[in-house]
Amino acid sequence: MSNSLLFLRLLLCVLSFWLTPVVAKIYIHTDSADDLTNFVQGQMKSLSSATNLLALDPTNNDLQFEFVPLKRSLKFMQKGESICVINKIQTAQRAKQFIFSKPVNLFLSRRLYQHADLPYNPTSEPVNLKALFTSYPERRLIISDQISYGDNLDKFISELPENNKIIRRGASHISGVLDMFAEKRGEYALLYPLELSNSSLNKPTLSFEIAEIEPYILGRLMCVESKKTKKLIERVNQQIDRLNKAGTLLKTHLEYYPKDIHAQVTRYLLKEFSKD
């Protein structure tokens, strides 16, 4: 082969390299270190990791998972970078800025928990906290001073007499409240069902929805709007449709929720996941 022909071939290779468009990954952000580990390792160890791995189907999509606090993610997204964030609630304001997938998961809101051997005859459910402690003025609710329970619940808690509250102070508030509840240092606790299902509490409990609190929230994939992310959302939605048709998303949810609320989870899922 002549030197001129060899040079021409080398030149063509170089030009081909520079002219070939680089297809950038879509970055999937989470602010949960546990979720990031599960995503990278492909392990379904929580409701969040299981449902998102099923919906995102990372083996067939060019994705890169990253741990980024939500505030930073939003700053990057405002610059138009190819970013999606998992488990986000679709609001009217967010829908003006971003595009969303169909629901990926359903998280039950905080519920009122009590031990099963504690007598209680609720007149109605959802339970009104003020009416509950008016009926049972000697009972107490275990709460943490480290967190907000949301605007409505914070208001309801503040209106309860102080003798009806036990304050758990200090860090590790989830495990701390659960430990106090397990030791029966109070009759009630406000917990997420997934917190209870992931705990070592082995005593039977009852749980009730709380009046004026939304019983659940829907988590979706929220993305910057671009050609690439639109295609990803389309593929994710198609995957969600397949998962729903096969009953896989429902089955996955039930694996992580306590059996005593499977009927409620099933009812909510069938209602919400058939809308889109």
Protein backbone atom coordinates (compact mmCIF):
# COMPACT_ATOMS: atom_id res chain seq x y z
CA MET A 1 0.00 0.00 0.00
CA SER A 2 1.43 3.41 -0.99
CA ASN A 3 2.14 6.03 1.65
CA SER A 4 -0.40 8.40 0.06
CA LEU A 5 -3.17 5.77 0.22
CA LEU A 6 -2.31 4.92 3.82
CA PHE A 7 -2.39 8.60 4.73
CA LEU A 8 -5.77 8.99 3.02
CA ARG A 9 -7.23 6.09 5.01
CA LEU A 10 -5.87 7.49 8.27
CA LEU A 11 -7.34 10.88 7.42
CA LEU A 12 -10.74 9.32 6.74
CA CYS A 13 -10.62 7.52 10.09
CA VAL A 14 -9.83 10.75 11.91
CA LEU A 15 -12.59 12.64 10.10
CA SER A 16 -15.03 9.85 10.79
CA PHE A 17 -14.20 10.02 14.52
CA TRP A 18 -14.71 13.77 14.71
CA LEU A 19 -17.84 13.85 12.57
CA THR A 20 -19.60 10.99 14.35
CA PRO A 21 -22.02 12.55 16.86
CA VAL A 22 -21.38 11.67 20.49
CA VAL A 23 -24.56 10.33 22.04
CA ALA A 24 -24.55 11.56 25.63
CA LYS A 25 -26.13 9.55 28.36
CA ILE A 26 -29.27 10.59 30.14
CA TYR A 27 -28.47 11.19 33.79
CA ILE A 28 -30.89 9.74 36.33
CA HIS A 29 -30.67 11.59 39.64
CA THR A 30 -31.65 10.34 43.07
CA ASP A 31 -31.11 11.92 46.48
CA SER A 32 -31.08 8.50 48.14
CA ALA A 33 -27.66 6.89 48.60
CA ASP A 34 -29.31 3.49 49.10
CA ASP A 35 -31.22 3.83 45.84
CA LEU A 36 -28.04 4.77 43.97
CA THR A 37 -26.27 1.65 45.26
CA ASN A 38 -29.23 -0.51 44.26
CA PHE A 39 -29.44 1.07 40.80
CA VAL A 40 -25.73 0.66 40.08
CA GLN A 41 -25.77 -2.95 41.29
CA GLY A 42 -29.14 -3.73 39.71
CA GLN A 43 -30.59 -4.84 43.05
CA MET A 44 -34.26 -4.53 43.98
CA LYS A 45 -34.00 -3.98 47.72
CA SER A 46 -36.71 -1.36 48.19
CA LEU A 47 -39.97 -0.31 46.58
CA SER A 48 -38.22 2.68 45.01
CA SER A 49 -35.30 0.73 43.54
CA ALA A 50 -37.47 -2.18 42.38
CA THR A 51 -40.12 -0.12 40.59
CA ASN A 52 -37.63 2.27 38.99
CA LEU A 53 -35.35 -0.51 37.76
CA LEU A 54 -38.37 -2.22 36.22
CA ALA A 55 -39.64 0.95 34.56
CA LEU A 56 -36.30 2.40 33.44
CA ASP A 57 -35.02 -0.90 32.07
CA PRO A 58 -31.38 0.33 32.24
CA THR A 59 -29.95 -2.58 30.25
CA ASN A 60 -31.85 -1.29 27.20
CA ASN A 61 -31.42 2.45 27.79
CA ASP A 62 -28.25 4.54 27.91
CA LEU A 63 -28.53 5.83 31.47
CA GLN A 64 -26.14 6.95 34.15
CA PHE A 65 -27.32 6.99 37.77
CA GLU A 66 -26.02 9.72 40.06
CA PHE A 67 -26.54 10.79 43.67
CA VAL A 68 -27.50 14.47 43.60
CA PRO A 69 -29.59 16.49 46.09
CA LEU A 70 -32.82 17.68 44.52
CA LYS A 71 -31.97 21.39 44.74
CA ARG A 72 -28.80 20.81 42.72
CA SER A 73 -30.65 18.61 40.24
CA LEU A 74 -33.16 21.39 39.62
CA LYS A 75 -30.34 23.90 39.02
CA PHE A 76 -28.77 21.59 36.43
CA MET A 77 -32.17 20.96 34.84
CA GLN A 78 -32.82 24.68 34.48
CA LYS A 79 -29.69 24.79 32.30
CA GLY A 80 -31.28 22.25 29.97
CA GLU A 81 -28.99 19.31 30.77
CA SER A 82 -30.26 15.81 29.98
CA ILE A 83 -31.39 14.96 33.49
CA CYS A 84 -34.29 13.02 34.93
CA VAL A 85 -35.17 12.69 38.62
CA ILE A 86 -36.97 9.67 40.08
CA ASN A 87 -39.99 9.53 42.42
CA LYS A 88 -41.26 13.04 41.77
CA ILE A 89 -44.83 14.26 42.28
CA GLN A 90 -46.38 15.86 39.21
CA THR A 91 -47.75 19.28 40.13
CA ALA A 92 -49.24 21.94 37.88
CA GLN A 93 -46.19 24.15 38.42
CA ARG A 94 -43.69 21.39 37.65
CA ALA A 95 -45.63 20.34 34.55
CA LYS A 96 -44.94 23.79 33.07
CA GLN A 97 -41.20 23.19 33.33
CA PHE A 98 -40.65 19.45 32.95
CA ILE A 99 -42.09 16.32 31.36
CA PHE A 100 -43.30 13.34 33.37
CA SER A 101 -43.74 9.62 32.90
CA LYS A 102 -46.78 7.64 33.89
CA PRO A 103 -46.83 6.67 37.59
CA VAL A 104 -43.91 4.41 38.48
CA ASN A 105 -44.75 3.82 42.13
CA LEU A 106 -47.29 4.57 44.83
CA PHE A 107 -46.20 5.49 48.35
CA LEU A 108 -48.76 5.36 51.14
CA SER A 109 -48.76 8.45 53.35
CA ARG A 110 -48.18 8.40 57.09
CA ARG A 111 -50.76 6.41 59.00
CA LEU A 112 -51.71 6.25 62.65
CA TYR A 113 -50.35 3.03 64.17
CA GLN A 114 -51.37 1.34 67.40
CA HIS A 115 -50.70 -2.05 68.94
CA ALA A 116 -53.31 -4.64 68.03
CA ASP A 117 -54.04 -5.50 71.66
CA LEU A 118 -55.06 -1.92 72.46
CA PRO A 119 -58.86 -1.52 72.61
CA TYR A 120 -60.13 0.93 70.04
CA ASN A 121 -63.47 1.29 68.34
CA PRO A 122 -63.18 4.03 65.76
CA THR A 123 -66.44 5.60 64.73
CA SER A 124 -65.03 6.27 61.29
CA GLU A 125 -61.89 6.11 59.20
CA PRO A 126 -59.98 8.28 58.36
CA VAL A 127 -59.31 9.00 62.05
CA ASN A 128 -59.58 12.51 63.43
CA LEU A 129 -56.65 12.92 65.84
CA LYS A 130 -58.35 15.53 68.03
CA ALA A 131 -61.46 13.39 68.42
CA LEU A 132 -59.32 10.31 69.15
CA PHE A 133 -57.55 11.88 72.10
CA THR A 134 -60.76 13.44 73.35
CA SER A 135 -62.12 9.89 73.57
CA TYR A 136 -58.89 8.50 75.05
CA PRO A 137 -57.35 11.39 77.04
CA GLU A 138 -54.88 9.11 78.86
CA ARG A 139 -53.20 7.82 75.71
CA ARG A 140 -50.08 9.27 74.09
CA LEU A 141 -48.65 9.81 70.62
CA ILE A 142 -44.91 9.34 70.06
CA ILE A 143 -43.49 12.05 67.79
CA SER A 144 -40.01 13.23 66.78
CA ASP A 145 -38.80 16.80 67.23
CA GLN A 146 -36.38 16.42 64.30
CA ILE A 147 -38.81 16.49 61.39
CA SER A 148 -41.89 18.11 59.94
CA TYR A 149 -44.81 15.78 59.42
CA GLY A 150 -46.23 18.06 56.75
CA ASP A 151 -48.33 21.19 57.14
CA ASN A 152 -51.61 19.48 58.03
CA LEU A 153 -50.20 16.91 60.43
CA ASP A 154 -47.95 19.47 62.13
CA LYS A 155 -51.04 21.61 62.72
CA PHE A 156 -53.05 18.67 64.13
CA ILE A 157 -50.16 17.65 66.41
CA SER A 158 -49.74 21.21 67.72
CA GLU A 159 -53.42 21.28 68.69
CA LEU A 160 -53.15 18.16 70.86
CA PRO A 161 -52.74 18.60 74.63
CA GLU A 162 -49.12 18.22 75.73
CA ASN A 163 -49.98 15.29 77.99
CA ASN A 164 -51.06 13.35 74.87
CA LYS A 165 -47.60 13.65 73.28
CA ILE A 166 -44.24 11.99 73.94
CA ILE A 167 -41.38 13.78 72.20
CA ARG A 168 -38.55 11.65 70.86
CA ARG A 169 -35.52 13.96 70.74
CA GLY A 170 -32.23 13.50 68.91
CA ALA A 171 -31.04 12.02 65.63
CA SER A 172 -32.02 8.68 64.05
CA HIS A 173 -35.62 9.72 64.52
CA ILE A 174 -37.13 6.84 62.51
CA SER A 175 -35.46 4.06 64.47
CA GLY A 176 -35.89 6.02 67.69
CA VAL A 177 -39.65 6.39 67.32
CA LEU A 178 -39.97 2.76 66.23
CA ASP A 179 -38.01 1.59 69.29
CA MET A 180 -40.21 3.61 71.63
CA PHE A 181 -43.33 2.30 69.92
CA ALA A 182 -42.08 -1.30 70.15
CA GLU A 183 -41.41 -0.79 73.86
CA LYS A 184 -45.00 0.52 74.28
CA ARG A 185 -43.80 3.79 75.75
CA GLY A 186 -46.70 5.36 73.89
CA GLU A 187 -49.90 3.99 72.42
CA TYR A 188 -49.62 5.58 68.97
CA ALA A 189 -47.06 6.54 66.34
CA LEU A 190 -47.27 8.26 62.96
CA LEU A 191 -45.39 6.06 60.51
CA TYR A 192 -45.03 5.36 56.84
CA PRO A 193 -46.04 1.74 56.13
CA LEU A 194 -42.72 1.14 54.40
CA GLU A 195 -40.88 2.24 57.56
CA LEU A 196 -42.74 -0.37 59.54
CA SER A 197 -42.27 -3.14 56.97
CA ASN A 198 -38.50 -2.51 56.96
CA SER A 199 -38.25 -2.55 60.76
CA SER A 200 -37.71 -5.35 63.23
CA LEU A 201 -41.02 -4.65 64.99
CA ASN A 202 -42.66 -8.07 65.26
CA LYS A 203 -45.68 -7.23 67.40
CA PRO A 204 -49.07 -7.08 65.64
CA THR A 205 -50.30 -3.57 64.91
CA LEU A 206 -53.32 -1.83 63.47
CA SER A 207 -53.12 1.22 61.25
CA PHE A 208 -55.59 3.85 60.13
CA GLU A 209 -55.70 6.62 57.56
CA ILE A 210 -55.68 10.11 59.05
CA ALA A 211 -58.41 12.61 58.29
CA GLU A 212 -57.48 15.44 55.89
CA ILE A 213 -54.24 13.72 54.86
CA GLU A 214 -53.88 12.41 51.32
CA PRO A 215 -53.68 8.60 51.67
CA TYR A 216 -50.91 8.22 49.07
CA ILE A 217 -48.64 9.97 46.59
CA LEU A 218 -47.58 8.88 43.10
CA GLY A 219 -43.93 8.87 42.08
CA ARG A 220 -42.98 9.55 38.47
CA LEU A 221 -39.88 10.12 36.37
CA MET A 222 -39.44 13.89 35.89
CA CYS A 223 -37.20 15.04 33.03
CA VAL A 224 -35.91 18.10 31.24
CA GLU A 225 -37.78 18.33 27.95
CA SER A 226 -35.61 17.38 24.98
CA LYS A 227 -35.74 14.95 22.06
CA LYS A 228 -33.72 12.41 24.01
CA THR A 229 -35.73 12.63 27.19
CA LYS A 230 -39.03 12.55 25.28
CA LYS A 231 -37.94 9.27 23.70
CA LEU A 232 -36.93 7.94 27.11
CA ILE A 233 -40.31 8.91 28.58
CA GLU A 234 -42.03 7.16 25.66
CA ARG A 235 -40.03 3.98 26.27
CA VAL A 236 -40.62 4.16 30.02
CA ASN A 237 -44.37 4.62 29.49
CA GLN A 238 -44.46 1.64 27.13
CA GLN A 239 -42.58 -0.42 29.72
CA ILE A 240 -45.00 0.69 32.46
CA ASP A 241 -47.95 -0.35 30.29
CA ARG A 242 -46.39 -3.79 29.84
CA LEU A 243 -45.68 -4.11 33.55
CA ASN A 244 -49.22 -3.09 34.47
CA LYS A 245 -50.76 -5.45 31.93
CA ALA A 246 -48.72 -8.33 33.36
CA GLY A 247 -49.55 -7.33 36.95
CA THR A 248 -45.83 -6.94 37.72
CA LEU A 249 -45.99 -3.46 39.24
CA LEU A 250 -48.82 -4.44 41.56
CA LYS A 251 -47.01 -7.61 42.61
CA THR A 252 -43.82 -5.62 43.24
CA HIS A 253 -45.65 -3.10 45.44
CA LEU A 254 -47.25 -5.84 47.51
CA GLU A 255 -43.84 -7.41 48.18
CA TYR A 256 -42.83 -4.31 50.14
CA TYR A 257 -46.07 -3.41 51.95
CA PRO A 258 -47.42 -5.19 55.05
CA LYS A 259 -50.10 -7.77 54.28
CA ASP A 260 -52.76 -6.05 56.38
CA ILE A 261 -52.92 -3.14 53.91
CA HIS A 262 -52.56 -5.09 50.66
CA ALA A 263 -56.24 -4.55 49.86
CA GLN A 264 -55.86 -0.77 50.11
CA VAL A 265 -52.64 -0.72 48.09
CA THR A 266 -54.30 -2.86 45.42
CA ARG A 267 -57.35 -0.59 45.27
CA TYR A 268 -55.29 2.58 44.95
CA LEU A 269 -52.95 1.07 42.35
CA LEU A 270 -55.72 -0.24 40.15
CA LYS A 271 -57.43 3.16 40.35
CA GLU A 272 -54.39 5.31 39.59
CA PHE A 273 -52.30 3.15 37.27
CA SER A 274 -55.19 2.69 34.84
CA LYS A 275 -55.72 6.45 34.37
CA ASP A 276 -52.83 7.35 32.05
